[in-house]
Amino acid sequence: MDAKFFTSRATALTGTSLSVLLMGILASLAAALDIWASRDWLTQSNLLMPFLLSALGSSLLGYVVVPVLKRLKAGQFIREEGPKAHLKKAGTPTMGGIFFVPVALLVAILASGAAVNTLAVCALTIAYGFIGWIDDWQVLQRRSNKGISPKMKLALQIGFSIAFCAWAMTNQPAEITELALPFGILLPLGILFWPLAGFTMVAESNATNLTDGVDGLMGGTGAISLLGFGALIAPDYPELMVFCAAMSGGCVGFLTHNRNPARVFMGDTGSLALGGALAAVGILSGHLFALFIITLLFVAETLSVIMQVGYYKATKGPDGKGKRLFKMAPLHHHFELSGWSEIQVVSVFYVVAGFLSCVALTTLH
């Protein structure tokens, strides 16, 4: 079954039908997982309730916040070197992360009984969302697509990752440094776990940031990845499972306003927060390898940018111009310029994200 099968089916979809379909599938999966877990009285699983509450809350709040963002003229500035079809999106409000992330965090805290681990990942999510908010705000102030400097953004990401890892090092059991591999294998990393954890946090947040480039793309793939991760860690980390379910629901609720054609973008405020959230859960659960599998799509987006830049520099001729490996990076833009519609790109990426979550669940659960 090749990509043509999915793209042909995606052609008949609209942004609304795609988001409704995703909501239905994820809600059904959450309910099915809860029912399955209830067969074993030792296992307590509650994915559905925080998922639905967060989805409803973020969707409703969006109807209040999005008009406010429009009145504040918090419109996105579109890169001229990007796909020409995106130029019509100029002026669409950004910073949508300011309404769906807080709703998800509040639901997670309440549903988990303010568990320590939940509070910790919520704090990290807020911290990375704050970095994104600064960047988004600078973009609006400067009225260009350039926010804070890359060095400043990276310094803040590293600083918050060090703070989180330092807290985890002193407040979590020693077993946290055992990396869970497929088929029940545990790899004790000891002190080496922490540099890996810090790198993962920075890399994951940048990967989700790069993936957020098409209407509904990061919101939908983020929802799928978070719910899949929540199902994976449910038996051992119920409080983190609740957090993942709430964040997944928040993403789905956000799609009410971000589906194609988008009424609002999540901006760095949302995308950096999502990457930080995924990484924080991966660190505290010891499932960094599972995180890698589940978010391999985001990793591919990052690698496409690295490969594009590297290939361009390596093939640069006397005229100062090099060749491009892709039509445009990140990867989703390559498919757009290859003739795929945004709906087709998003639909296929949703399928890939779902497949990766299934792989992680079958090999690492």
Protein backbone atom coordinates (compact mmCIF):
# COMPACT_ATOMS: atom_id res chain seq x y z
CA MET A 1 0.00 0.00 0.00
CA ASP A 2 1.73 3.18 -1.15
CA ALA A 3 1.31 6.89 -0.50
CA LYS A 4 -1.02 7.25 -3.52
CA PHE A 5 -3.66 5.22 -1.66
CA PHE A 6 -3.65 7.64 1.28
CA THR A 7 -3.39 10.79 -0.81
CA SER A 8 -6.29 9.75 -3.03
CA ARG A 9 -8.46 9.20 0.05
CA ALA A 10 -7.24 12.46 1.58
CA THR A 11 -8.36 14.43 -1.48
CA ALA A 12 -12.00 13.87 -0.50
CA LEU A 13 -11.43 15.12 3.05
CA THR A 14 -11.84 18.65 4.35
CA GLY A 15 -10.14 20.22 7.34
CA THR A 16 -13.33 19.87 9.37
CA SER A 17 -14.01 16.24 8.48
CA LEU A 18 -10.37 15.31 9.13
CA SER A 19 -10.34 16.89 12.59
CA VAL A 20 -13.70 15.32 13.51
CA LEU A 21 -12.45 11.92 12.30
CA LEU A 22 -9.28 12.27 14.37
CA MET A 23 -11.28 13.27 17.45
CA GLY A 24 -13.55 10.26 17.05
CA ILE A 25 -10.71 7.80 16.54
CA LEU A 26 -8.65 9.04 19.48
CA ALA A 27 -11.66 9.20 21.83
CA SER A 28 -12.65 5.66 20.82
CA LEU A 29 -9.11 4.39 21.38
CA ALA A 30 -8.93 6.07 24.78
CA ALA A 31 -12.25 4.47 25.78
CA ALA A 32 -11.15 1.07 24.49
CA LEU A 33 -7.86 1.24 26.39
CA ASP A 34 -9.68 2.21 29.58
CA ILE A 35 -12.08 -0.73 29.19
CA TRP A 36 -9.23 -3.13 28.48
CA ALA A 37 -7.25 -1.91 31.51
CA SER A 38 -10.29 -2.31 33.78
CA ARG A 39 -10.15 -6.08 33.19
CA ASP A 40 -7.17 -6.11 35.57
CA TRP A 41 -8.09 -4.65 38.97
CA LEU A 42 -4.41 -3.85 39.60
CA THR A 43 -4.39 -1.45 36.67
CA GLN A 44 -6.08 1.92 36.82
CA SER A 45 -6.36 3.65 33.46
CA ASN A 46 -8.26 6.84 32.78
CA LEU A 47 -7.35 8.25 29.41
CA LEU A 48 -10.80 9.18 28.18
CA MET A 49 -12.01 11.61 30.84
CA PRO A 50 -9.01 14.00 30.89
CA PHE A 51 -8.86 13.74 27.09
CA LEU A 52 -12.49 14.81 26.65
CA LEU A 53 -12.41 17.53 29.32
CA SER A 54 -9.30 19.08 27.85
CA ALA A 55 -10.63 18.86 24.29
CA LEU A 56 -13.91 20.52 25.26
CA GLY A 57 -12.25 23.19 27.41
CA SER A 58 -9.64 24.23 24.86
CA SER A 59 -12.19 24.24 22.04
CA LEU A 60 -14.62 26.48 23.94
CA LEU A 61 -11.91 28.82 25.21
CA GLY A 62 -10.66 29.24 21.68
CA TYR A 63 -13.93 30.90 20.69
CA VAL A 64 -13.10 33.62 23.23
CA VAL A 65 -9.33 33.94 22.72
CA VAL A 66 -9.07 33.81 18.92
CA PRO A 67 -11.23 36.95 18.38
CA VAL A 68 -9.12 38.72 21.03
CA LEU A 69 -5.93 37.78 19.19
CA LYS A 70 -7.45 39.15 15.99
CA ARG A 71 -8.31 42.44 17.69
CA LEU A 72 -4.76 42.66 19.06
CA LYS A 73 -3.52 42.16 15.49
CA ALA A 74 -1.44 39.18 16.60
CA GLY A 75 -1.13 38.07 12.98
CA GLN A 76 1.52 35.70 11.67
CA PHE A 77 4.16 36.97 9.25
CA ILE A 78 4.80 34.46 6.47
CA ARG A 79 8.28 33.77 5.09
CA GLU A 80 8.57 34.98 1.51
CA GLU A 81 10.85 32.05 0.71
CA GLY A 82 8.19 29.58 1.86
CA PRO A 83 5.51 27.98 -0.34
CA LYS A 84 3.70 30.72 -2.26
CA ALA A 85 0.35 29.18 -1.33
CA HIS A 86 1.09 30.11 2.30
CA LEU A 87 1.26 33.84 1.59
CA LYS A 88 -2.53 34.04 1.84
CA LYS A 89 -2.21 32.95 5.49
CA ALA A 90 -0.53 36.25 6.40
CA GLY A 91 -2.40 37.96 9.21
CA THR A 92 -3.84 34.76 10.69
CA PRO A 93 -3.53 35.09 14.49
CA THR A 94 -0.71 33.14 16.09
CA MET A 95 0.20 32.35 19.73
CA GLY A 96 -2.69 29.85 19.96
CA GLY A 97 -0.71 27.90 22.53
CA ILE A 98 -1.78 30.46 25.14
CA PHE A 99 -5.25 28.94 25.37
CA PHE A 100 -4.99 25.19 24.72
CA VAL A 101 -1.83 24.50 26.76
CA PRO A 102 -3.09 26.06 30.05
CA VAL A 103 -6.42 24.21 29.75
CA ALA A 104 -4.63 20.89 29.28
CA LEU A 105 -2.29 21.54 32.20
CA LEU A 106 -5.16 22.48 34.52
CA VAL A 107 -7.07 19.32 33.61
CA ALA A 108 -3.92 17.23 34.11
CA ILE A 109 -3.27 18.68 37.56
CA LEU A 110 -6.85 18.22 38.73
CA ALA A 111 -7.26 14.73 37.25
CA SER A 112 -3.97 13.51 38.74
CA GLY A 113 -4.63 14.98 42.18
CA ALA A 114 -1.70 17.38 41.76
CA ALA A 115 0.80 14.49 41.71
CA VAL A 116 4.42 15.59 42.00
CA ASN A 117 5.46 14.20 38.63
CA THR A 118 2.51 15.88 36.95
CA LEU A 119 3.40 19.22 38.52
CA ALA A 120 6.99 18.79 37.35
CA VAL A 121 6.14 18.12 33.71
CA CYS A 122 3.55 20.91 33.81
CA ALA A 123 6.24 23.34 35.04
CA LEU A 124 8.59 22.29 32.25
CA THR A 125 5.81 22.61 29.68
CA ILE A 126 5.04 26.13 30.90
CA ALA A 127 8.75 27.02 30.80
CA TYR A 128 9.14 25.93 27.19
CA GLY A 129 5.84 27.56 26.28
CA PHE A 130 7.20 30.77 27.82
CA ILE A 131 10.25 30.60 25.54
CA GLY A 132 7.89 30.25 22.61
CA TRP A 133 5.74 33.13 23.82
CA ILE A 134 8.77 35.43 23.99
CA ASP A 135 9.67 34.42 20.44
CA ASP A 136 6.12 34.94 19.16
CA TRP A 137 5.86 38.29 20.92
CA GLN A 138 9.13 39.49 19.38
CA VAL A 139 7.86 38.47 15.94
CA LEU A 140 4.77 40.62 16.46
CA GLN A 141 6.74 43.54 17.89
CA ARG A 142 9.23 43.54 15.02
CA ARG A 143 6.50 42.83 12.48
CA SER A 144 8.66 40.22 10.75
CA ASN A 145 9.10 36.46 10.93
CA LYS A 146 12.23 36.81 13.09
CA GLY A 147 11.79 36.46 16.85
CA ILE A 148 14.48 36.18 19.50
CA SER A 149 17.92 35.13 18.28
CA PRO A 150 18.55 31.39 17.81
CA LYS A 151 21.35 31.59 20.38
CA MET A 152 19.05 33.10 22.99
CA LYS A 153 16.33 30.56 22.28
CA LEU A 154 18.81 27.68 22.54
CA ALA A 155 20.31 29.08 25.75
CA LEU A 156 16.86 29.25 27.37
CA GLN A 157 16.01 25.73 26.21
CA ILE A 158 19.25 24.36 27.61
CA GLY A 159 18.83 26.29 30.85
CA PHE A 160 15.35 24.94 31.52
CA SER A 161 16.41 21.41 30.53
CA ILE A 162 19.31 21.53 33.01
CA ALA A 163 16.97 22.75 35.75
CA PHE A 164 14.48 19.96 35.05
CA CYS A 165 17.16 17.27 34.91
CA ALA A 166 18.70 18.55 38.14
CA TRP A 167 15.31 18.29 39.84
CA ALA A 168 14.73 14.79 38.47
CA MET A 169 18.21 13.67 39.49
CA THR A 170 17.57 14.59 43.11
CA ASN A 171 13.89 13.68 43.39
CA GLN A 172 13.47 10.52 41.29
CA PRO A 173 14.57 6.95 42.10
CA ALA A 174 17.88 5.70 40.70
CA GLU A 175 15.98 3.41 38.31
CA ILE A 176 15.06 6.45 36.22
CA THR A 177 18.44 6.16 34.49
CA GLU A 178 17.55 2.70 33.14
CA LEU A 179 16.59 3.13 29.51
CA ALA A 180 13.65 0.92 28.48
CA LEU A 181 14.34 -0.88 25.19
CA PRO A 182 12.10 -3.18 23.12
CA PHE A 183 10.90 -6.50 24.52
CA GLY A 184 11.50 -5.66 28.18
CA ILE A 185 15.25 -4.96 27.94
CA LEU A 186 16.60 -2.34 30.36
CA LEU A 187 19.85 -0.52 29.61
CA PRO A 188 21.44 1.04 32.73
CA LEU A 189 23.02 4.32 31.62
CA GLY A 190 23.87 5.77 35.00
CA ILE A 191 25.20 9.32 34.81
CA LEU A 192 25.18 9.15 30.99
CA PHE A 193 21.38 9.26 31.10
CA TRP A 194 21.34 12.94 32.00
CA PRO A 195 23.24 14.38 29.01
CA LEU A 196 20.97 12.25 26.82
CA ALA A 197 17.91 13.56 28.66
CA GLY A 198 18.97 17.18 28.27
CA PHE A 199 19.73 16.73 24.58
CA THR A 200 16.38 15.01 24.05
CA MET A 201 14.48 17.89 25.60
CA VAL A 202 16.12 20.52 23.42
CA ALA A 203 15.96 18.38 20.27
CA GLU A 204 12.33 17.36 20.79
CA SER A 205 11.11 20.92 21.30
CA ASN A 206 12.90 22.10 18.17
CA ALA A 207 11.50 19.13 16.23
CA THR A 208 7.90 19.93 17.16
CA ASN A 209 8.59 23.58 16.37
CA LEU A 210 9.73 22.66 12.84
CA THR A 211 6.74 20.35 12.32
CA ASP A 212 4.30 23.18 12.99
CA GLY A 213 4.12 24.50 9.44
CA VAL A 214 0.81 23.35 7.94
CA ASP A 215 -2.76 23.85 9.20
CA GLY A 216 -3.60 21.10 11.69
CA LEU A 217 -0.29 19.25 11.31
CA MET A 218 1.36 19.66 14.71
CA GLY A 219 -1.95 19.74 16.56
CA GLY A 220 -3.05 16.40 15.11
CA THR A 221 0.26 14.56 15.16
CA GLY A 222 0.89 15.90 18.65
CA ALA A 223 -2.47 14.56 19.83
CA ILE A 224 -1.73 11.13 18.37
CA SER A 225 1.79 10.95 19.81
CA LEU A 226 0.72 12.09 23.27
CA LEU A 227 -2.17 9.66 23.53
CA GLY A 228 0.03 6.81 22.29
CA PHE A 229 2.69 7.71 24.85
CA GLY A 230 0.06 7.90 27.58
CA ALA A 231 -1.19 4.40 26.74
CA LEU A 232 2.40 3.10 26.80
CA ILE A 233 3.23 4.37 30.28
CA ALA A 234 -0.22 3.87 31.84
CA PRO A 235 0.61 0.73 33.91
CA ASP A 236 3.62 2.28 35.66
CA TYR A 237 3.01 6.02 35.58
CA PRO A 238 -0.73 6.75 35.84
CA GLU A 239 -0.14 10.39 36.77
CA LEU A 240 1.92 10.93 33.61
CA MET A 241 -0.67 9.00 31.60
CA VAL A 242 -3.28 11.53 32.74
CA PHE A 243 -0.98 14.38 31.70
CA CYS A 244 -0.50 12.88 28.23
CA ALA A 245 -4.24 12.32 27.79
CA ALA A 246 -5.02 15.91 28.81
CA MET A 247 -2.37 17.35 26.49
CA SER A 248 -3.65 15.15 23.66
CA GLY A 249 -7.18 16.41 24.27
CA GLY A 250 -5.93 19.98 24.34
CA CYS A 251 -4.39 19.49 20.90
CA VAL A 252 -7.65 18.04 19.54
CA GLY A 253 -9.63 20.95 20.97
CA PHE A 254 -7.16 23.34 19.38
CA LEU A 255 -7.85 21.72 16.01
CA THR A 256 -11.37 23.20 16.21
CA HIS A 257 -9.67 26.49 15.33
CA ASN A 258 -6.50 25.27 13.62
CA ARG A 259 -7.98 22.86 11.07
CA ASN A 260 -7.60 23.84 7.44
CA PRO A 261 -8.22 26.69 6.75
CA ALA A 262 -6.78 27.73 10.12
CA ARG A 263 -8.32 30.55 12.13
CA VAL A 264 -5.28 30.56 14.44
CA PHE A 265 -1.77 29.08 14.57
CA MET A 266 -0.29 27.57 17.73
CA GLY A 267 2.97 29.49 17.24
CA ASP A 268 6.15 28.72 19.14
CA THR A 269 4.10 29.16 22.31
CA GLY A 270 2.34 25.89 21.57
CA SER A 271 4.90 23.94 19.55
CA LEU A 272 7.80 24.37 21.98
CA ALA A 273 5.48 23.51 24.88
CA LEU A 274 4.43 20.25 23.18
CA GLY A 275 8.02 19.20 22.54
CA GLY A 276 8.99 19.97 26.12
CA ALA A 277 5.97 18.04 27.42
CA LEU A 278 6.80 14.92 25.41
CA ALA A 279 10.45 15.00 26.43
CA ALA A 280 9.68 15.56 30.12
CA VAL A 281 7.37 12.54 30.19
CA GLY A 282 9.98 10.47 28.37
CA ILE A 283 12.62 11.40 30.94
CA LEU A 284 10.55 10.72 34.06
CA SER A 285 9.23 7.43 32.69
CA GLY A 286 12.62 6.22 31.43
CA HIS A 287 11.08 5.72 27.99
CA LEU A 288 13.38 7.87 25.87
CA PHE A 289 13.66 5.13 23.26
CA ALA A 290 9.88 4.87 23.02
CA LEU A 291 9.76 8.65 22.70
CA PHE A 292 12.17 8.41 19.78
CA ILE A 293 9.97 5.85 18.03
CA ILE A 294 6.69 7.68 18.68
CA THR A 295 8.09 11.04 17.53
CA LEU A 296 10.17 9.70 14.64
CA LEU A 297 8.07 11.84 12.30
CA PHE A 298 9.21 14.99 14.10
CA VAL A 299 12.79 13.70 14.00
CA ALA A 300 12.48 13.23 10.22
CA GLU A 301 11.31 16.83 9.88
CA THR A 302 14.43 17.99 11.74
CA LEU A 303 16.76 15.74 9.77
CA SER A 304 15.32 17.07 6.50
CA VAL A 305 16.38 20.59 7.50
CA ILE A 306 19.86 19.44 8.57
CA MET A 307 20.31 17.44 5.37
CA GLN A 308 19.06 20.32 3.20
CA VAL A 309 21.48 22.82 4.73
CA GLY A 310 24.39 20.36 4.71
CA TYR A 311 23.84 19.33 1.08
CA TYR A 312 23.50 22.95 -0.02
CA LYS A 313 26.80 23.88 1.60
CA ALA A 314 28.59 20.76 0.32
CA THR A 315 27.54 21.42 -3.30
CA LYS A 316 28.14 25.16 -3.28
CA GLY A 317 29.94 26.20 -6.46
CA PRO A 318 32.06 29.21 -7.43
CA ASP A 319 28.89 31.27 -7.82
CA GLY A 320 28.08 30.71 -4.15
CA LYS A 321 24.99 28.65 -4.92
CA GLY A 322 24.48 25.02 -4.00
CA LYS A 323 22.02 22.27 -4.83
CA ARG A 324 18.97 21.31 -2.79
CA LEU A 325 18.25 17.77 -1.67
CA PHE A 326 14.55 18.55 -1.18
CA LYS A 327 12.31 21.01 -2.96
CA MET A 328 12.04 22.73 0.42
CA ALA A 329 12.60 21.82 4.05
CA PRO A 330 11.11 20.86 6.50
CA LEU A 331 9.80 17.72 4.85
CA HIS A 332 6.13 18.72 4.77
CA HIS A 333 6.98 21.63 2.46
CA HIS A 334 8.74 19.23 0.09
CA PHE A 335 5.51 17.27 -0.32
CA GLU A 336 3.51 20.48 -0.78
CA LEU A 337 5.79 21.61 -3.60
CA SER A 338 5.57 18.11 -5.08
CA GLY A 339 1.88 18.70 -5.70
CA TRP A 340 0.24 17.46 -2.48
CA SER A 341 -2.48 19.60 -0.94
CA GLU A 342 -2.21 20.57 2.72
CA ILE A 343 -5.01 18.14 3.55
CA GLN A 344 -3.12 15.32 1.85
CA VAL A 345 0.09 16.12 3.71
CA VAL A 346 -1.68 16.29 7.06
CA SER A 347 -3.69 13.10 6.45
CA VAL A 348 -0.63 11.02 5.54
CA PHE A 349 1.36 12.43 8.45
CA TYR A 350 -1.51 11.49 10.80
CA VAL A 351 -1.38 7.92 9.50
CA VAL A 352 2.39 7.78 9.97
CA ALA A 353 2.12 9.17 13.52
CA GLY A 354 -0.51 6.55 14.36
CA PHE A 355 1.63 3.77 12.91
CA LEU A 356 4.66 4.86 14.97
CA SER A 357 2.60 4.85 18.17
CA CYS A 358 1.41 1.31 17.36
CA VAL A 359 5.00 0.19 16.81
CA ALA A 360 6.06 1.61 20.16
CA LEU A 361 3.08 0.04 21.97
CA THR A 362 3.65 -3.44 20.49
CA THR A 363 7.40 -3.55 21.09
CA LEU A 364 7.83 -1.59 24.32
CA HIS A 365 4.62 -2.12 26.32
